[in-house]
Amino acid sequence: MMNILKFLDANTVGKFKYFPIFMGIDVTDGDVTVINSGISSDMFNIVCRARNKNALSSALQKFRDLKLPFACWIGFDDDYPECLRKLKIYLAKKSDELQISLVDDAKNIE
């Protein structure tokens, strides 16, 4: 049986990817999931499910090079401290907006 946190993570990423794949938008899924719409909106450019810190750095740099805003979602299986450290380094270089929300300790989920 799938762990509930893994299920929630897979469900969230599936929702992020469904319409972009249907619409033919660039979606890559490997050590990190990257949805690149090419649109200048963080609603349609998403980095999530970072399973590897180098892959996360590469995804962040990709959006920096393209000069596109993006949303970065840290999921249940991600290495939170490492992901946040990478984001902090990225945002320290250039940040127009930073919004941290919907944060809860997974231990609170029953």
PDB file of N, CA and C in Angstrom:
ATOM      1  N   MET A   1       0.840  -1.186   0.000  1.00  0.00           N
ATOM      2  CA  MET A   1       0.000   0.000   0.000  1.00  0.00           C
ATOM      3  C   MET A   1       0.882   1.245   0.000  1.00  0.00           C
ATOM      4  N   MET A   2       0.504   2.209  -0.819  1.00  0.00           N
ATOM      5  CA  MET A   2       1.294   3.425  -0.952  1.00  0.00           C
ATOM      6  C   MET A   2       1.156   4.296   0.292  1.00  0.00           C
ATOM      7  N   ASN A   3       2.275   4.772   0.758  1.00  0.00           N
ATOM      8  CA  ASN A   3       2.294   5.711   1.868  1.00  0.00           C
ATOM      9  C   ASN A   3       1.436   6.925   1.498  1.00  0.00           C
ATOM     10  N   ILE A   4       0.655   7.450   2.450  1.00  0.00           N
ATOM     11  CA  ILE A   4      -0.255   8.571   2.170  1.00  0.00           C
ATOM     12  C   ILE A   4       0.491   9.814   1.686  1.00  0.00           C
ATOM     13  N   LEU A   5       1.678  10.069   2.223  1.00  0.00           N
ATOM     14  CA  LEU A   5       2.433  11.241   1.780  1.00  0.00           C
ATOM     15  C   LEU A   5       2.928  11.077   0.351  1.00  0.00           C
ATOM     16  N   LYS A   6       3.324   9.868  -0.022  1.00  0.00           N
ATOM     17  CA  LYS A   6       3.724   9.609  -1.402  1.00  0.00           C
ATOM     18  C   LYS A   6       2.524   9.755  -2.340  1.00  0.00           C
ATOM     19  N   PHE A   7       1.369   9.314  -1.884  1.00  0.00           N
ATOM     20  CA  PHE A   7       0.149   9.460  -2.667  1.00  0.00           C
ATOM     21  C   PHE A   7      -0.187  10.937  -2.876  1.00  0.00           C
ATOM     22  N   LEU A   8      -0.130  11.723  -1.806  1.00  0.00           N
ATOM     23  CA  LEU A   8      -0.421  13.152  -1.914  1.00  0.00           C
ATOM     24  C   LEU A   8       0.570  13.849  -2.847  1.00  0.00           C
ATOM     25  N   ASP A   9       1.837  13.482  -2.750  1.00  0.00           N
ATOM     26  CA  ASP A   9       2.855  14.065  -3.612  1.00  0.00           C
ATOM     27  C   ASP A   9       2.574  13.719  -5.079  1.00  0.00           C
ATOM     28  N   ALA A  10       2.317  12.455  -5.348  1.00  0.00           N
ATOM     29  CA  ALA A  10       2.029  12.017  -6.721  1.00  0.00           C
ATOM     30  C   ALA A  10       0.771  12.688  -7.258  1.00  0.00           C
ATOM     31  N   ASN A  11      -0.231  12.846  -6.422  1.00  0.00           N
ATOM     32  CA  ASN A  11      -1.474  13.490  -6.828  1.00  0.00           C
ATOM     33  C   ASN A  11      -1.243  14.958  -7.186  1.00  0.00           C
ATOM     34  N   THR A  12      -0.475  15.664  -6.364  1.00  0.00           N
ATOM     35  CA  THR A  12      -0.194  17.077  -6.616  1.00  0.00           C
ATOM     36  C   THR A  12       0.573  17.248  -7.922  1.00  0.00           C
ATOM     37  N   VAL A  13       1.618  16.469  -8.101  1.00  0.00           N
ATOM     38  CA  VAL A  13       2.416  16.570  -9.323  1.00  0.00           C
ATOM     39  C   VAL A  13       1.574  16.177 -10.540  1.00  0.00           C
ATOM     40  N   GLY A  14       0.723  15.180 -10.392  1.00  0.00           N
ATOM     41  CA  GLY A  14      -0.169  14.786 -11.484  1.00  0.00           C
ATOM     42  C   GLY A  14      -1.098  15.915 -11.897  1.00  0.00           C
ATOM     43  N   LYS A  15      -1.596  16.650 -10.926  1.00  0.00           N
ATOM     44  CA  LYS A  15      -2.464  17.799 -11.238  1.00  0.00           C
ATOM     45  C   LYS A  15      -1.684  18.896 -11.940  1.00  0.00           C
ATOM     46  N   PHE A  16      -0.430  19.114 -11.500  1.00  0.00           N
ATOM     47  CA  PHE A  16       0.405  20.127 -12.163  1.00  0.00           C
ATOM     48  C   PHE A  16       0.651  19.770 -13.620  1.00  0.00           C
ATOM     49  N   LYS A  17       0.862  18.490 -13.899  1.00  0.00           N
ATOM     50  CA  LYS A  17       1.273  18.055 -15.228  1.00  0.00           C
ATOM     51  C   LYS A  17       0.123  17.792 -16.196  1.00  0.00           C
ATOM     52  N   TYR A  18      -1.066  17.521 -15.715  1.00  0.00           N
ATOM     53  CA  TYR A  18      -2.151  17.042 -16.573  1.00  0.00           C
ATOM     54  C   TYR A  18      -2.452  17.979 -17.748  1.00  0.00           C
ATOM     55  N   PHE A  19      -2.830  19.207 -17.472  1.00  0.00           N
ATOM     56  CA  PHE A  19      -3.184  20.126 -18.566  1.00  0.00           C
ATOM     57  C   PHE A  19      -1.982  20.535 -19.408  1.00  0.00           C
ATOM     58  N   PRO A  20      -0.819  20.792 -18.808  1.00  0.00           N
ATOM     59  CA  PRO A  20       0.334  21.094 -19.666  1.00  0.00           C
ATOM     60  C   PRO A  20       0.635  19.981 -20.671  1.00  0.00           C
ATOM     61  N   ILE A  21       0.579  18.732 -20.239  1.00  0.00           N
ATOM     62  CA  ILE A  21       0.818  17.627 -21.172  1.00  0.00           C
ATOM     63  C   ILE A  21      -0.269  17.609 -22.243  1.00  0.00           C
ATOM     64  N   PHE A  22      -1.510  17.783 -21.844  1.00  0.00           N
ATOM     65  CA  PHE A  22      -2.644  17.796 -22.775  1.00  0.00           C
ATOM     66  C   PHE A  22      -2.496  18.926 -23.805  1.00  0.00           C
ATOM     67  N   MET A  23      -1.957  20.071 -23.360  1.00  0.00           N
ATOM     68  CA  MET A  23      -1.810  21.242 -24.231  1.00  0.00           C
ATOM     69  C   MET A  23      -0.500  21.253 -25.012  1.00  0.00           C
ATOM     70  N   GLY A  24       0.339  20.245 -24.803  1.00  0.00           N
ATOM     71  CA  GLY A  24       1.596  20.172 -25.537  1.00  0.00           C
ATOM     72  C   GLY A  24       2.696  21.056 -24.968  1.00  0.00           C
ATOM     73  N   ILE A  25       2.560  21.453 -23.719  1.00  0.00           N
ATOM     74  CA  ILE A  25       3.563  22.280 -23.050  1.00  0.00           C
ATOM     75  C   ILE A  25       4.729  21.395 -22.628  1.00  0.00           C
ATOM     76  N   ASP A  26       5.926  21.971 -22.613  1.00  0.00           N
ATOM     77  CA  ASP A  26       7.151  21.251 -22.258  1.00  0.00           C
ATOM     78  C   ASP A  26       7.107  20.786 -20.806  1.00  0.00           C
ATOM     79  N   VAL A  27       7.040  19.471 -20.606  1.00  0.00           N
ATOM     80  CA  VAL A  27       7.053  18.870 -19.265  1.00  0.00           C
ATOM     81  C   VAL A  27       8.163  17.825 -19.238  1.00  0.00           C
ATOM     82  N   THR A  28       9.118  17.996 -18.331  1.00  0.00           N
ATOM     83  CA  THR A  28      10.157  16.991 -18.152  1.00  0.00           C
ATOM     84  C   THR A  28      10.023  16.426 -16.747  1.00  0.00           C
ATOM     85  N   ASP A  29      10.213  15.131 -16.641  1.00  0.00           N
ATOM     86  CA  ASP A  29      10.034  14.447 -15.371  1.00  0.00           C
ATOM     87  C   ASP A  29      11.181  13.469 -15.186  1.00  0.00           C
ATOM     88  N   GLY A  30      12.099  13.840 -14.322  1.00  0.00           N
ATOM     89  CA  GLY A  30      13.249  12.981 -14.038  1.00  0.00           C
ATOM     90  C   GLY A  30      13.599  13.158 -12.579  1.00  0.00           C
ATOM     91  N   ASP A  31      14.822  13.621 -12.320  1.00  0.00           N
ATOM     92  CA  ASP A  31      15.226  13.886 -10.947  1.00  0.00           C
ATOM     93  C   ASP A  31      14.501  15.103 -10.378  1.00  0.00           C
ATOM     94  N   VAL A  32      13.919  15.895 -11.244  1.00  0.00           N
ATOM     95  CA  VAL A  32      13.082  17.026 -10.864  1.00  0.00           C
ATOM     96  C   VAL A  32      12.020  17.174 -11.955  1.00  0.00           C
ATOM     97  N   THR A  33      10.821  17.549 -11.575  1.00  0.00           N
ATOM     98  CA  THR A  33       9.767  17.771 -12.562  1.00  0.00           C
ATOM     99  C   THR A  33       9.744  19.254 -12.913  1.00  0.00           C
ATOM    100  N   VAL A  34       9.834  19.544 -14.213  1.00  0.00           N
ATOM    101  CA  VAL A  34       9.856  20.926 -14.685  1.00  0.00           C
ATOM    102  C   VAL A  34       8.756  21.105 -15.723  1.00  0.00           C
ATOM    103  N   ILE A  35       7.896  22.089 -15.491  1.00  0.00           N
ATOM    104  CA  ILE A  35       6.850  22.448 -16.442  1.00  0.00           C
ATOM    105  C   ILE A  35       7.186  23.845 -16.940  1.00  0.00           C
ATOM    106  N   ASN A  36       7.524  23.950 -18.221  1.00  0.00           N
ATOM    107  CA  ASN A  36       7.941  25.213 -18.812  1.00  0.00           C
ATOM    108  C   ASN A  36       6.969  25.587 -19.919  1.00  0.00           C
ATOM    109  N   SER A  37       6.071  26.506 -19.617  1.00  0.00           N
ATOM    110  CA  SER A  37       5.066  26.925 -20.594  1.00  0.00           C
ATOM    111  C   SER A  37       5.617  27.941 -21.582  1.00  0.00           C
ATOM    112  N   GLY A  38       6.725  28.590 -21.217  1.00  0.00           N
ATOM    113  CA  GLY A  38       7.248  29.667 -22.055  1.00  0.00           C
ATOM    114  C   GLY A  38       6.509  30.975 -21.834  1.00  0.00           C
ATOM    115  N   ILE A  39       5.491  30.943 -20.987  1.00  0.00           N
ATOM    116  CA  ILE A  39       4.692  32.133 -20.670  1.00  0.00           C
ATOM    117  C   ILE A  39       5.326  32.823 -19.465  1.00  0.00           C
ATOM    118  N   SER A  40       5.319  34.142 -19.467  1.00  0.00           N
ATOM    119  CA  SER A  40       5.923  34.900 -18.373  1.00  0.00           C
ATOM    120  C   SER A  40       4.986  34.964 -17.168  1.00  0.00           C
ATOM    121  N   SER A  41       4.749  33.800 -16.569  1.00  0.00           N
ATOM    122  CA  SER A  41       3.881  33.709 -15.396  1.00  0.00           C
ATOM    123  C   SER A  41       4.294  32.507 -14.562  1.00  0.00           C
ATOM    124  N   ASP A  42       4.461  32.738 -13.251  1.00  0.00           N
ATOM    125  CA  ASP A  42       4.848  31.626 -12.385  1.00  0.00           C
ATOM    126  C   ASP A  42       3.706  30.642 -12.167  1.00  0.00           C
ATOM    127  N   MET A  43       2.536  30.963 -12.639  1.00  0.00           N
ATOM    128  CA  MET A  43       1.419  30.031 -12.517  1.00  0.00           C
ATOM    129  C   MET A  43       1.556  28.861 -13.498  1.00  0.00           C
ATOM    130  N   PHE A  44       2.257  29.092 -14.594  1.00  0.00           N
ATOM    131  CA  PHE A  44       2.360  28.086 -15.648  1.00  0.00           C
ATOM    132  C   PHE A  44       3.761  27.515 -15.817  1.00  0.00           C
ATOM    133  N   ASN A  45       4.705  27.981 -15.014  1.00  0.00           N
ATOM    134  CA  ASN A  45       6.078  27.464 -15.011  1.00  0.00           C
ATOM    135  C   ASN A  45       6.342  26.936 -13.612  1.00  0.00           C
ATOM    136  N   ILE A  46       6.559  25.644 -13.507  1.00  0.00           N
ATOM    137  CA  ILE A  46       6.634  25.012 -12.186  1.00  0.00           C
ATOM    138  C   ILE A  46       7.837  24.085 -12.105  1.00  0.00           C
ATOM    139  N   VAL A  47       8.506  24.152 -10.964  1.00  0.00           N
ATOM    140  CA  VAL A  47       9.559  23.204 -10.612  1.00  0.00           C
ATOM    141  C   VAL A  47       9.055  22.471  -9.379  1.00  0.00           C
ATOM    142  N   CYS A  48       9.050  21.151  -9.416  1.00  0.00           N
ATOM    143  CA  CYS A  48       8.580  20.393  -8.258  1.00  0.00           C
ATOM    144  C   CYS A  48       9.216  19.010  -8.227  1.00  0.00           C
ATOM    145  N   ARG A  49       9.015  18.326  -7.137  1.00  0.00           N
ATOM    146  CA  ARG A  49       9.488  16.962  -6.925  1.00  0.00           C
ATOM    147  C   ARG A  49      10.988  16.832  -7.198  1.00  0.00           C
ATOM    148  N   ALA A  50      11.749  17.652  -6.484  1.00  0.00           N
ATOM    149  CA  ALA A  50      13.208  17.629  -6.636  1.00  0.00           C
ATOM    150  C   ALA A  50      13.778  16.448  -5.869  1.00  0.00           C
ATOM    151  N   ARG A  51      14.237  15.461  -6.593  1.00  0.00           N
ATOM    152  CA  ARG A  51      14.797  14.265  -5.967  1.00  0.00           C
ATOM    153  C   ARG A  51      16.320  14.323  -5.878  1.00  0.00           C
ATOM    154  N   ASN A  52      16.886  15.361  -6.461  1.00  0.00           N
ATOM    155  CA  ASN A  52      18.335  15.457  -6.563  1.00  0.00           C
ATOM    156  C   ASN A  52      18.704  16.934  -6.511  1.00  0.00           C
ATOM    157  N   LYS A  53      19.613  17.311  -5.614  1.00  0.00           N
ATOM    158  CA  LYS A  53      19.928  18.727  -5.438  1.00  0.00           C
ATOM    159  C   LYS A  53      20.571  19.338  -6.677  1.00  0.00           C
ATOM    160  N   ASN A  54      21.340  18.561  -7.436  1.00  0.00           N
ATOM    161  CA  ASN A  54      21.937  19.096  -8.656  1.00  0.00           C
ATOM    162  C   ASN A  54      20.879  19.332  -9.727  1.00  0.00           C
ATOM    163  N   ALA A  55      19.892  18.443  -9.798  1.00  0.00           N
ATOM    164  CA  ALA A  55      18.800  18.612 -10.761  1.00  0.00           C
ATOM    165  C   ALA A  55      17.996  19.861 -10.420  1.00  0.00           C
ATOM    166  N   LEU A  56      17.787  20.110  -9.125  1.00  0.00           N
ATOM    167  CA  LEU A  56      17.067  21.318  -8.711  1.00  0.00           C
ATOM    168  C   LEU A  56      17.834  22.558  -9.139  1.00  0.00           C
ATOM    169  N   SER A  57      19.130  22.581  -8.896  1.00  0.00           N
ATOM    170  CA  SER A  57      19.957  23.729  -9.307  1.00  0.00           C
ATOM    171  C   SER A  57      19.864  23.951 -10.807  1.00  0.00           C
ATOM    172  N   SER A  58      19.904  22.876 -11.568  1.00  0.00           N
ATOM    173  CA  SER A  58      19.823  22.965 -13.023  1.00  0.00           C
ATOM    174  C   SER A  58      18.476  23.534 -13.472  1.00  0.00           C
ATOM    175  N   ALA A  59      17.391  23.077 -12.833  1.00  0.00           N
ATOM    176  CA  ALA A  59      16.054  23.575 -13.189  1.00  0.00           C
ATOM    177  C   ALA A  59      15.922  25.060 -12.864  1.00  0.00           C
ATOM    178  N   LEU A  60      16.432  25.465 -11.705  1.00  0.00           N
ATOM    179  CA  LEU A  60      16.375  26.883 -11.330  1.00  0.00           C
ATOM    180  C   LEU A  60      17.168  27.728 -12.325  1.00  0.00           C
ATOM    181  N   GLN A  61      18.335  27.228 -12.714  1.00  0.00           N
ATOM    182  CA  GLN A  61      19.170  27.968 -13.666  1.00  0.00           C
ATOM    183  C   GLN A  61      18.497  28.062 -15.030  1.00  0.00           C
ATOM    184  N   LYS A  62      17.766  27.014 -15.413  1.00  0.00           N
ATOM    185  CA  LYS A  62      17.061  27.026 -16.707  1.00  0.00           C
ATOM    186  C   LYS A  62      16.085  28.202 -16.776  1.00  0.00           C
ATOM    187  N   PHE A  63      15.296  28.389 -15.722  1.00  0.00           N
ATOM    188  CA  PHE A  63      14.340  29.501 -15.723  1.00  0.00           C
ATOM    189  C   PHE A  63      15.051  30.847 -15.621  1.00  0.00           C
ATOM    190  N   ARG A  64      16.168  30.881 -14.904  1.00  0.00           N
ATOM    191  CA  ARG A  64      16.953  32.116 -14.814  1.00  0.00           C
ATOM    192  C   ARG A  64      17.456  32.500 -16.207  1.00  0.00           C
ATOM    193  N   ASP A  65      18.014  31.525 -16.930  1.00  0.00           N
ATOM    194  CA  ASP A  65      18.538  31.783 -18.276  1.00  0.00           C
ATOM    195  C   ASP A  65      17.439  32.249 -19.223  1.00  0.00           C
ATOM    196  N   LEU A  66      16.251  31.670 -19.076  1.00  0.00           N
ATOM    197  CA  LEU A  66      15.117  32.048 -19.931  1.00  0.00           C
ATOM    198  C   LEU A  66      14.437  33.332 -19.475  1.00  0.00           C
ATOM    199  N   LYS A  67      14.828  33.812 -18.293  1.00  0.00           N
ATOM    200  CA  LYS A  67      14.237  35.017 -17.689  1.00  0.00           C
ATOM    201  C   LYS A  67      12.720  34.862 -17.515  1.00  0.00           C
ATOM    202  N   LEU A  68      12.321  33.665 -17.063  1.00  0.00           N
ATOM    203  CA  LEU A  68      10.914  33.380 -16.832  1.00  0.00           C
ATOM    204  C   LEU A  68      10.664  33.178 -15.338  1.00  0.00           C
ATOM    205  N   PRO A  69       9.571  33.731 -14.833  1.00  0.00           N
ATOM    206  CA  PRO A  69       9.204  33.467 -13.437  1.00  0.00           C
ATOM    207  C   PRO A  69       8.693  32.034 -13.303  1.00  0.00           C
ATOM    208  N   PHE A  70       8.775  31.495 -12.111  1.00  0.00           N
ATOM    209  CA  PHE A  70       8.319  30.124 -11.897  1.00  0.00           C
ATOM    210  C   PHE A  70       7.923  29.947 -10.443  1.00  0.00           C
ATOM    211  N   ALA A  71       7.168  28.898 -10.204  1.00  0.00           N
ATOM    212  CA  ALA A  71       6.818  28.495  -8.839  1.00  0.00           C
ATOM    213  C   ALA A  71       7.603  27.235  -8.529  1.00  0.00           C
ATOM    214  N   CYS A  72       8.126  27.160  -7.328  1.00  0.00           N
ATOM    215  CA  CYS A  72       8.860  25.970  -6.903  1.00  0.00           C
ATOM    216  C   CYS A  72       8.098  25.352  -5.744  1.00  0.00           C
ATOM    217  N   TRP A  73       7.638  24.142  -5.941  1.00  0.00           N
ATOM    218  CA  TRP A  73       6.867  23.424  -4.926  1.00  0.00           C
ATOM    219  C   TRP A  73       7.747  22.360  -4.294  1.00  0.00           C
ATOM    220  N   ILE A  74       7.888  22.430  -3.005  1.00  0.00           N
ATOM    221  CA  ILE A  74       8.657  21.428  -2.283  1.00  0.00           C
ATOM    222  C   ILE A  74       7.663  20.437  -1.717  1.00  0.00           C
ATOM    223  N   GLY A  75       7.768  19.194  -2.160  1.00  0.00           N
ATOM    224  CA  GLY A  75       6.790  18.177  -1.782  1.00  0.00           C
ATOM    225  C   GLY A  75       7.201  17.348  -0.593  1.00  0.00           C
ATOM    226  N   PHE A  76       6.428  16.335  -0.332  1.00  0.00           N
ATOM    227  CA  PHE A  76       6.604  15.509   0.850  1.00  0.00           C
ATOM    228  C   PHE A  76       7.873  14.670   0.807  1.00  0.00           C
ATOM    229  N   ASP A  77       8.304  14.263  -0.375  1.00  0.00           N
ATOM    230  CA  ASP A  77       9.480  13.407  -0.487  1.00  0.00           C
ATOM    231  C   ASP A  77      10.773  14.187  -0.682  1.00  0.00           C
ATOM    232  N   ASP A  78      10.690  15.490  -0.850  1.00  0.00           N
ATOM    233  CA  ASP A  78      11.877  16.293  -1.105  1.00  0.00           C
ATOM    234  C   ASP A  78      12.698  16.478   0.166  1.00  0.00           C
ATOM    235  N   ASP A  79      13.962  16.776  -0.027  1.00  0.00           N
ATOM    236  CA  ASP A  79      14.867  17.099   1.066  1.00  0.00           C
ATOM    237  C   ASP A  79      14.658  18.583   1.380  1.00  0.00           C
ATOM    238  N   TYR A  80      13.773  18.886   2.325  1.00  0.00           N
ATOM    239  CA  TYR A  80      13.391  20.274   2.606  1.00  0.00           C
ATOM    240  C   TYR A  80      14.571  21.205   2.851  1.00  0.00           C
ATOM    241  N   PRO A  81      15.469  20.886   3.790  1.00  0.00           N
ATOM    242  CA  PRO A  81      16.560  21.825   4.053  1.00  0.00           C
ATOM    243  C   PRO A  81      17.408  22.113   2.813  1.00  0.00           C
ATOM    244  N   GLU A  82      17.706  21.072   2.025  1.00  0.00           N
ATOM    245  CA  GLU A  82      18.532  21.270   0.837  1.00  0.00           C
ATOM    246  C   GLU A  82      17.784  22.077  -0.222  1.00  0.00           C
ATOM    247  N   CYS A  83      16.506  21.786  -0.429  1.00  0.00           N
ATOM    248  CA  CYS A  83      15.716  22.539  -1.405  1.00  0.00           C
ATOM    249  C   CYS A  83      15.614  24.009  -1.005  1.00  0.00           C
ATOM    250  N   LEU A  84      15.360  24.255   0.259  1.00  0.00           N
ATOM    251  CA  LEU A  84      15.247  25.643   0.726  1.00  0.00           C
ATOM    252  C   LEU A  84      16.580  26.362   0.614  1.00  0.00           C
ATOM    253  N   ARG A  85      17.680  25.673   0.894  1.00  0.00           N
ATOM    254  CA  ARG A  85      19.009  26.285   0.762  1.00  0.00           C
ATOM    255  C   ARG A  85      19.267  26.667  -0.693  1.00  0.00           C
ATOM    256  N   LYS A  86      18.945  25.769  -1.619  1.00  0.00           N
ATOM    257  CA  LYS A  86      19.141  26.057  -3.043  1.00  0.00           C
ATOM    258  C   LYS A  86      18.273  27.238  -3.485  1.00  0.00           C
ATOM    259  N   LEU A  87      17.024  27.269  -3.021  1.00  0.00           N
ATOM    260  CA  LEU A  87      16.141  28.381  -3.372  1.00  0.00           C
ATOM    261  C   LEU A  87      16.659  29.692  -2.794  1.00  0.00           C
ATOM    262  N   LYS A  88      17.145  29.641  -1.576  1.00  0.00           N
ATOM    263  CA  LYS A  88      17.676  30.849  -0.936  1.00  0.00           C
ATOM    264  C   LYS A  88      18.858  31.399  -1.736  1.00  0.00           C
ATOM    265  N   ILE A  89      19.751  30.508  -2.177  1.00  0.00           N
ATOM    266  CA  ILE A  89      20.894  30.937  -2.984  1.00  0.00           C
ATOM    267  C   ILE A  89      20.405  31.531  -4.301  1.00  0.00           C
ATOM    268  N   TYR A  90      19.454  30.866  -4.941  1.00  0.00           N
ATOM    269  CA  TYR A  90      18.917  31.351  -6.212  1.00  0.00           C
ATOM    270  C   TYR A  90      18.256  32.717  -6.035  1.00  0.00           C
ATOM    271  N   LEU A  91      17.424  32.843  -5.006  1.00  0.00           N
ATOM    272  CA  LEU A  91      16.685  34.079  -4.794  1.00  0.00           C
ATOM    273  C   LEU A  91      17.580  35.221  -4.330  1.00  0.00           C
ATOM    274  N   ALA A  92      18.680  34.904  -3.688  1.00  0.00           N
ATOM    275  CA  ALA A  92      19.609  35.947  -3.256  1.00  0.00           C
ATOM    276  C   ALA A  92      20.239  36.637  -4.468  1.00  0.00           C
ATOM    277  N   LYS A  93      20.358  35.900  -5.570  1.00  0.00           N
ATOM    278  CA  LYS A  93      20.944  36.468  -6.783  1.00  0.00           C
ATOM    279  C   LYS A  93      20.001  37.458  -7.441  1.00  0.00           C
ATOM    280  N   LYS A  94      18.727  37.125  -7.458  1.00  0.00           N
ATOM    281  CA  LYS A  94      17.728  38.021  -8.057  1.00  0.00           C
ATOM    282  C   LYS A  94      16.359  37.549  -7.613  1.00  0.00           C
ATOM    283  N   SER A  95      15.643  38.430  -6.977  1.00  0.00           N
ATOM    284  CA  SER A  95      14.308  38.057  -6.528  1.00  0.00           C
ATOM    285  C   SER A  95      13.353  39.221  -6.695  1.00  0.00           C
ATOM    286  N   ASP A  96      12.353  39.025  -7.531  1.00  0.00           N
ATOM    287  CA  ASP A  96      11.302  40.027  -7.660  1.00  0.00           C
ATOM    288  C   ASP A  96      10.188  39.744  -6.664  1.00  0.00           C
ATOM    289  N   GLU A  97       9.995  38.486  -6.368  1.00  0.00           N
ATOM    290  CA  GLU A  97       8.894  38.101  -5.489  1.00  0.00           C
ATOM    291  C   GLU A  97       9.229  36.791  -4.807  1.00  0.00           C
ATOM    292  N   LEU A  98       8.923  36.703  -3.552  1.00  0.00           N
ATOM    293  CA  LEU A  98       9.078  35.459  -2.819  1.00  0.00           C
ATOM    294  C   LEU A  98       7.822  35.270  -1.992  1.00  0.00           C
ATOM    295  N   GLN A  99       7.194  34.150  -2.174  1.00  0.00           N
ATOM    296  CA  GLN A  99       5.986  33.854  -1.424  1.00  0.00           C
ATOM    297  C   GLN A  99       6.102  32.435  -0.902  1.00  0.00           C
ATOM    298  N   ILE A 100       6.130  32.314   0.401  1.00  0.00           N
ATOM    299  CA  ILE A 100       6.159  30.993   1.012  1.00  0.00           C
ATOM    300  C   ILE A 100       4.824  30.791   1.689  1.00  0.00           C
ATOM    301  N   SER A 101       4.130  29.741   1.292  1.00  0.00           N
ATOM    302  CA  SER A 101       2.801  29.523   1.850  1.00  0.00           C
ATOM    303  C   SER A 101       2.479  28.035   1.857  1.00  0.00           C
ATOM    304  N   LEU A 102       1.352  27.722   2.445  1.00  0.00           N
ATOM    305  CA  LEU A 102       0.876  26.352   2.514  1.00  0.00           C
ATOM    306  C   LEU A 102       1.928  25.423   3.117  1.00  0.00           C
ATOM    307  N   VAL A 103       2.508  25.845   4.216  1.00  0.00           N
ATOM    308  CA  VAL A 103       3.547  25.067   4.866  1.00  0.00           C
ATOM    309  C   VAL A 103       2.974  24.417   6.116  1.00  0.00           C
ATOM    310  N   ASP A 104       3.189  23.123   6.263  1.00  0.00           N
ATOM    311  CA  ASP A 104       2.766  22.412   7.461  1.00  0.00           C
ATOM    312  C   ASP A 104       3.699  21.229   7.654  1.00  0.00           C
ATOM    313  N   ASP A 105       3.916  20.886   8.878  1.00  0.00           N
ATOM    314  CA  ASP A 105       4.744  19.736   9.187  1.00  0.00           C
ATOM    315  C   ASP A 105       3.951  18.468   8.868  1.00  0.00           C
ATOM    316  N   ALA A 106       4.547  17.574   8.091  1.00  0.00           N
ATOM    317  CA  ALA A 106       3.860  16.349   7.688  1.00  0.00           C
ATOM    318  C   ALA A 106       3.478  15.479   8.875  1.00  0.00           C
ATOM    319  N   LYS A 107       4.127  15.685  10.019  1.00  0.00           N
ATOM    320  CA  LYS A 107       3.780  14.915  11.219  1.00  0.00           C
ATOM    321  C   LYS A 107       2.371  15.229  11.703  1.00  0.00           C
ATOM    322  N   ASN A 108       1.832  16.374  11.295  1.00  0.00           N
ATOM    323  CA  ASN A 108       0.492  16.771  11.709  1.00  0.00           C
ATOM    324  C   ASN A 108      -0.610  16.075  10.920  1.00  0.00           C
ATOM    325  N   ILE A 109      -0.236  15.391   9.842  1.00  0.00           N
ATOM    326  CA  ILE A 109      -1.228  14.702   9.018  1.00  0.00           C
ATOM    327  C   ILE A 109      -1.480  13.321   9.602  1.00  0.00           C
ATOM    328  N   GLU A 110      -2.714  13.006   9.846  1.00  0.00           N
ATOM    329  CA  GLU A 110      -3.045  11.701  10.423  1.00  0.00           C
ATOM    330  C   GLU A 110      -3.672  10.817   9.380  1.00  0.00           C
TER     331      GLU A 110
END
